[in-house]
Amino acid sequence: MINNPIIEFDVHGMRTEEAVAAVQKKVEQAESSVYKIRVIHGYNGGTRIRSAIREEFSYGREPKVKRIVMGANEGITELILREL
C-alpha cells in the first residue's frame, strides 16, 4: 500500500493548545514517505492557531520539520518534513 505523501489536517474548532498538540502528534506519527503536513486552520478565527503553529515548529524546534511555508491561502500552513 502506498501512503499519501501529503497529510491534510484540519484544526478548525480546536483551542490553540489542542491544535498545536494535535499537529505535534501528526508530525511524530508521520512516516518517512510523508513530505508535507498541510494544516488547515482558517484565517478569520485561525490566526492564533496559525501563529502558535509557526512559533512552535519554526527555527529548528522540531527536528522533523525542515521548514514552514504559507499554503495556497492565509488559512493554511504547510510543514515541510523533507524535500522532494
N, C-alpha and C. Protein backbone atom coordinates (compact mmCIF):
# COMPACT_ATOMS: atom_id res chain seq x y z
N MET A 1 0.84 -1.20 0.00
CA MET A 1 0.00 0.00 0.00
C MET A 1 0.87 1.25 0.00
N ILE A 2 0.59 2.18 -0.89
CA ILE A 2 1.36 3.42 -0.97
C ILE A 2 0.69 4.46 -0.08
N ASN A 3 1.50 5.07 0.77
CA ASN A 3 0.98 6.11 1.66
C ASN A 3 0.95 7.45 0.94
N ASN A 4 0.02 8.29 1.32
CA ASN A 4 -0.07 9.62 0.74
C ASN A 4 1.10 10.47 1.23
N PRO A 5 1.83 11.12 0.33
CA PRO A 5 2.98 11.92 0.76
C PRO A 5 2.59 13.25 1.41
N ILE A 6 1.30 13.59 1.33
CA ILE A 6 0.81 14.83 1.95
C ILE A 6 -0.30 14.47 2.93
N ILE A 7 -0.15 14.93 4.16
CA ILE A 7 -1.20 14.77 5.16
C ILE A 7 -1.91 16.10 5.28
N GLU A 8 -3.24 16.09 5.10
CA GLU A 8 -4.04 17.29 5.34
C GLU A 8 -4.72 17.13 6.69
N PHE A 9 -4.61 18.17 7.50
CA PHE A 9 -5.12 18.09 8.86
C PHE A 9 -5.85 19.38 9.18
N ASP A 10 -7.14 19.26 9.50
CA ASP A 10 -7.99 20.42 9.78
C ASP A 10 -8.11 20.60 11.29
N VAL A 11 -7.74 21.77 11.78
CA VAL A 11 -7.80 22.05 13.21
C VAL A 11 -8.89 23.05 13.58
N HIS A 12 -9.82 23.28 12.66
CA HIS A 12 -10.95 24.16 12.97
C HIS A 12 -11.67 23.67 14.22
N GLY A 13 -12.08 24.58 15.07
CA GLY A 13 -12.84 24.23 16.26
C GLY A 13 -12.00 23.83 17.45
N MET A 14 -10.70 23.70 17.25
CA MET A 14 -9.83 23.36 18.38
C MET A 14 -9.32 24.63 19.06
N ARG A 15 -9.03 24.50 20.34
CA ARG A 15 -8.34 25.59 21.03
C ARG A 15 -6.89 25.58 20.56
N THR A 16 -6.20 26.68 20.77
CA THR A 16 -4.83 26.81 20.29
C THR A 16 -3.94 25.69 20.81
N GLU A 17 -4.00 25.42 22.11
CA GLU A 17 -3.14 24.39 22.70
C GLU A 17 -3.48 23.00 22.15
N GLU A 18 -4.76 22.73 21.96
CA GLU A 18 -5.19 21.45 21.39
C GLU A 18 -4.66 21.29 19.97
N ALA A 19 -4.76 22.37 19.19
CA ALA A 19 -4.33 22.31 17.79
C ALA A 19 -2.83 22.05 17.70
N VAL A 20 -2.04 22.75 18.50
CA VAL A 20 -0.58 22.56 18.46
C VAL A 20 -0.23 21.13 18.88
N ALA A 21 -0.88 20.63 19.92
CA ALA A 21 -0.62 19.25 20.37
C ALA A 21 -1.03 18.24 19.30
N ALA A 22 -2.14 18.47 18.62
CA ALA A 22 -2.60 17.57 17.57
C ALA A 22 -1.64 17.58 16.38
N VAL A 23 -1.15 18.75 16.02
CA VAL A 23 -0.19 18.84 14.91
C VAL A 23 1.11 18.15 15.31
N GLN A 24 1.54 18.34 16.55
CA GLN A 24 2.76 17.68 17.03
C GLN A 24 2.63 16.16 16.92
N LYS A 25 1.46 15.65 17.27
CA LYS A 25 1.22 14.21 17.18
C LYS A 25 1.30 13.73 15.72
N LYS A 26 0.72 14.52 14.80
CA LYS A 26 0.80 14.17 13.37
C LYS A 26 2.24 14.15 12.89
N VAL A 27 3.03 15.13 13.33
CA VAL A 27 4.44 15.18 12.93
C VAL A 27 5.16 13.94 13.45
N GLU A 28 4.94 13.61 14.70
CA GLU A 28 5.61 12.45 15.30
C GLU A 28 5.22 11.15 14.61
N GLN A 29 3.96 11.03 14.19
CA GLN A 29 3.46 9.80 13.58
C GLN A 29 3.74 9.70 12.09
N ALA A 30 4.18 10.80 11.48
CA ALA A 30 4.40 10.81 10.03
C ALA A 30 5.49 9.82 9.64
N GLU A 31 5.17 8.98 8.67
CA GLU A 31 6.14 8.02 8.15
C GLU A 31 7.11 8.72 7.22
N SER A 32 8.16 8.02 6.85
CA SER A 32 9.20 8.62 6.01
C SER A 32 8.70 8.98 4.62
N SER A 33 7.59 8.39 4.18
CA SER A 33 7.05 8.70 2.86
C SER A 33 6.35 10.07 2.83
N VAL A 34 6.02 10.60 3.97
CA VAL A 34 5.32 11.89 4.06
C VAL A 34 6.33 13.02 3.93
N TYR A 35 6.06 13.95 3.01
CA TYR A 35 6.97 15.08 2.89
C TYR A 35 6.32 16.39 3.33
N LYS A 36 5.00 16.41 3.48
CA LYS A 36 4.35 17.67 3.84
C LYS A 36 3.11 17.40 4.70
N ILE A 37 2.94 18.23 5.74
CA ILE A 37 1.71 18.22 6.51
C ILE A 37 1.04 19.57 6.29
N ARG A 38 -0.14 19.53 5.70
CA ARG A 38 -0.90 20.75 5.41
C ARG A 38 -1.90 20.96 6.54
N VAL A 39 -1.69 22.01 7.32
CA VAL A 39 -2.55 22.31 8.46
C VAL A 39 -3.55 23.38 8.03
N ILE A 40 -4.83 23.03 8.11
CA ILE A 40 -5.90 23.95 7.74
C ILE A 40 -6.45 24.55 9.03
N HIS A 41 -6.18 25.83 9.24
CA HIS A 41 -6.57 26.47 10.50
C HIS A 41 -7.53 27.63 10.30
N GLY A 42 -7.74 28.05 9.07
CA GLY A 42 -8.59 29.20 8.82
C GLY A 42 -7.82 30.49 9.02
N TYR A 43 -8.42 31.59 8.60
CA TYR A 43 -7.72 32.87 8.76
C TYR A 43 -8.53 33.93 9.48
N ASN A 44 -9.80 33.72 9.68
CA ASN A 44 -10.56 34.68 10.49
C ASN A 44 -10.31 34.39 11.97
N GLY A 45 -10.80 33.28 12.45
CA GLY A 45 -10.57 32.90 13.83
C GLY A 45 -9.34 32.05 14.02
N GLY A 46 -8.63 31.75 12.94
CA GLY A 46 -7.49 30.84 13.00
C GLY A 46 -6.14 31.50 13.15
N THR A 47 -6.10 32.81 13.32
CA THR A 47 -4.80 33.48 13.35
C THR A 47 -4.01 33.12 14.60
N ARG A 48 -4.66 32.90 15.72
CA ARG A 48 -3.93 32.50 16.93
C ARG A 48 -3.32 31.12 16.73
N ILE A 49 -4.08 30.22 16.13
CA ILE A 49 -3.55 28.88 15.86
C ILE A 49 -2.41 28.97 14.86
N ARG A 50 -2.61 29.74 13.80
CA ARG A 50 -1.54 29.90 12.79
C ARG A 50 -0.26 30.40 13.44
N SER A 51 -0.36 31.43 14.25
CA SER A 51 0.82 32.00 14.92
C SER A 51 1.48 30.98 15.84
N ALA A 52 0.67 30.25 16.60
CA ALA A 52 1.21 29.25 17.54
C ALA A 52 1.92 28.13 16.79
N ILE A 53 1.34 27.68 15.69
CA ILE A 53 1.96 26.60 14.90
C ILE A 53 3.28 27.08 14.31
N ARG A 54 3.28 28.27 13.77
CA ARG A 54 4.52 28.79 13.17
C ARG A 54 5.58 29.01 14.23
N GLU A 55 5.18 29.44 15.41
CA GLU A 55 6.13 29.63 16.51
C GLU A 55 6.67 28.28 16.99
N GLU A 56 5.80 27.31 17.16
CA GLU A 56 6.18 26.01 17.71
C GLU A 56 7.09 25.21 16.77
N PHE A 57 6.86 25.30 15.46
CA PHE A 57 7.56 24.42 14.54
C PHE A 57 8.63 25.11 13.69
N SER A 58 8.89 26.37 13.94
CA SER A 58 9.93 27.06 13.17
C SER A 58 11.24 27.09 13.97
N TYR A 59 12.26 27.57 13.33
CA TYR A 59 13.57 27.78 13.96
C TYR A 59 14.20 26.50 14.49
N GLY A 60 13.91 25.37 13.86
CA GLY A 60 14.55 24.12 14.23
C GLY A 60 14.10 23.52 15.55
N ARG A 61 12.97 23.97 16.07
CA ARG A 61 12.49 23.44 17.35
C ARG A 61 12.02 22.00 17.25
N GLU A 62 11.51 21.63 16.10
CA GLU A 62 11.08 20.26 15.86
C GLU A 62 11.98 19.70 14.77
N PRO A 63 12.86 18.75 15.10
CA PRO A 63 13.83 18.24 14.12
C PRO A 63 13.22 17.68 12.84
N LYS A 64 12.01 17.12 12.89
CA LYS A 64 11.41 16.54 11.69
C LYS A 64 10.91 17.60 10.71
N VAL A 65 10.69 18.83 11.18
CA VAL A 65 10.17 19.89 10.31
C VAL A 65 11.35 20.69 9.76
N LYS A 66 11.54 20.59 8.45
CA LYS A 66 12.66 21.27 7.80
C LYS A 66 12.38 22.76 7.61
N ARG A 67 11.14 23.07 7.26
CA ARG A 67 10.75 24.47 7.06
C ARG A 67 9.24 24.58 7.06
N ILE A 68 8.77 25.82 7.16
CA ILE A 68 7.33 26.11 7.14
C ILE A 68 7.07 27.05 5.97
N VAL A 69 5.99 26.79 5.24
CA VAL A 69 5.61 27.66 4.13
C VAL A 69 4.13 28.00 4.24
N MET A 70 3.77 29.13 3.65
CA MET A 70 2.36 29.51 3.56
C MET A 70 1.68 28.56 2.60
N GLY A 71 0.44 28.26 2.87
CA GLY A 71 -0.33 27.41 1.97
C GLY A 71 -0.88 28.21 0.81
N ALA A 72 -1.84 27.63 0.12
CA ALA A 72 -2.46 28.27 -1.04
C ALA A 72 -3.23 29.54 -0.64
N ASN A 73 -3.61 29.63 0.63
CA ASN A 73 -4.25 30.84 1.13
C ASN A 73 -3.83 31.07 2.58
N GLU A 74 -4.28 32.16 3.17
CA GLU A 74 -3.87 32.53 4.53
C GLU A 74 -4.32 31.54 5.59
N GLY A 75 -5.29 30.72 5.29
CA GLY A 75 -5.84 29.77 6.25
C GLY A 75 -5.12 28.44 6.30
N ILE A 76 -3.97 28.35 5.60
CA ILE A 76 -3.22 27.09 5.54
C ILE A 76 -1.74 27.35 5.84
N THR A 77 -1.18 26.49 6.66
CA THR A 77 0.26 26.48 6.91
C THR A 77 0.75 25.08 6.58
N GLU A 78 1.87 25.01 5.85
CA GLU A 78 2.41 23.71 5.46
C GLU A 78 3.74 23.48 6.16
N LEU A 79 3.85 22.32 6.79
CA LEU A 79 5.09 21.91 7.44
C LEU A 79 5.80 20.96 6.49
N ILE A 80 6.99 21.33 6.04
CA ILE A 80 7.74 20.50 5.11
C ILE A 80 8.67 19.60 5.92
N LEU A 81 8.48 18.29 5.78
CA LEU A 81 9.27 17.33 6.54
C LEU A 81 10.50 16.86 5.79
N ARG A 82 10.41 16.89 4.47
CA ARG A 82 11.57 16.54 3.65
C ARG A 82 11.39 17.18 2.28
N GLU A 83 12.49 17.37 1.59
CA GLU A 83 12.41 17.94 0.25
C GLU A 83 12.14 16.83 -0.75
N LEU A 84 11.45 17.17 -1.82
CA LEU A 84 11.18 16.18 -2.86
C LEU A 84 12.38 15.96 -3.74
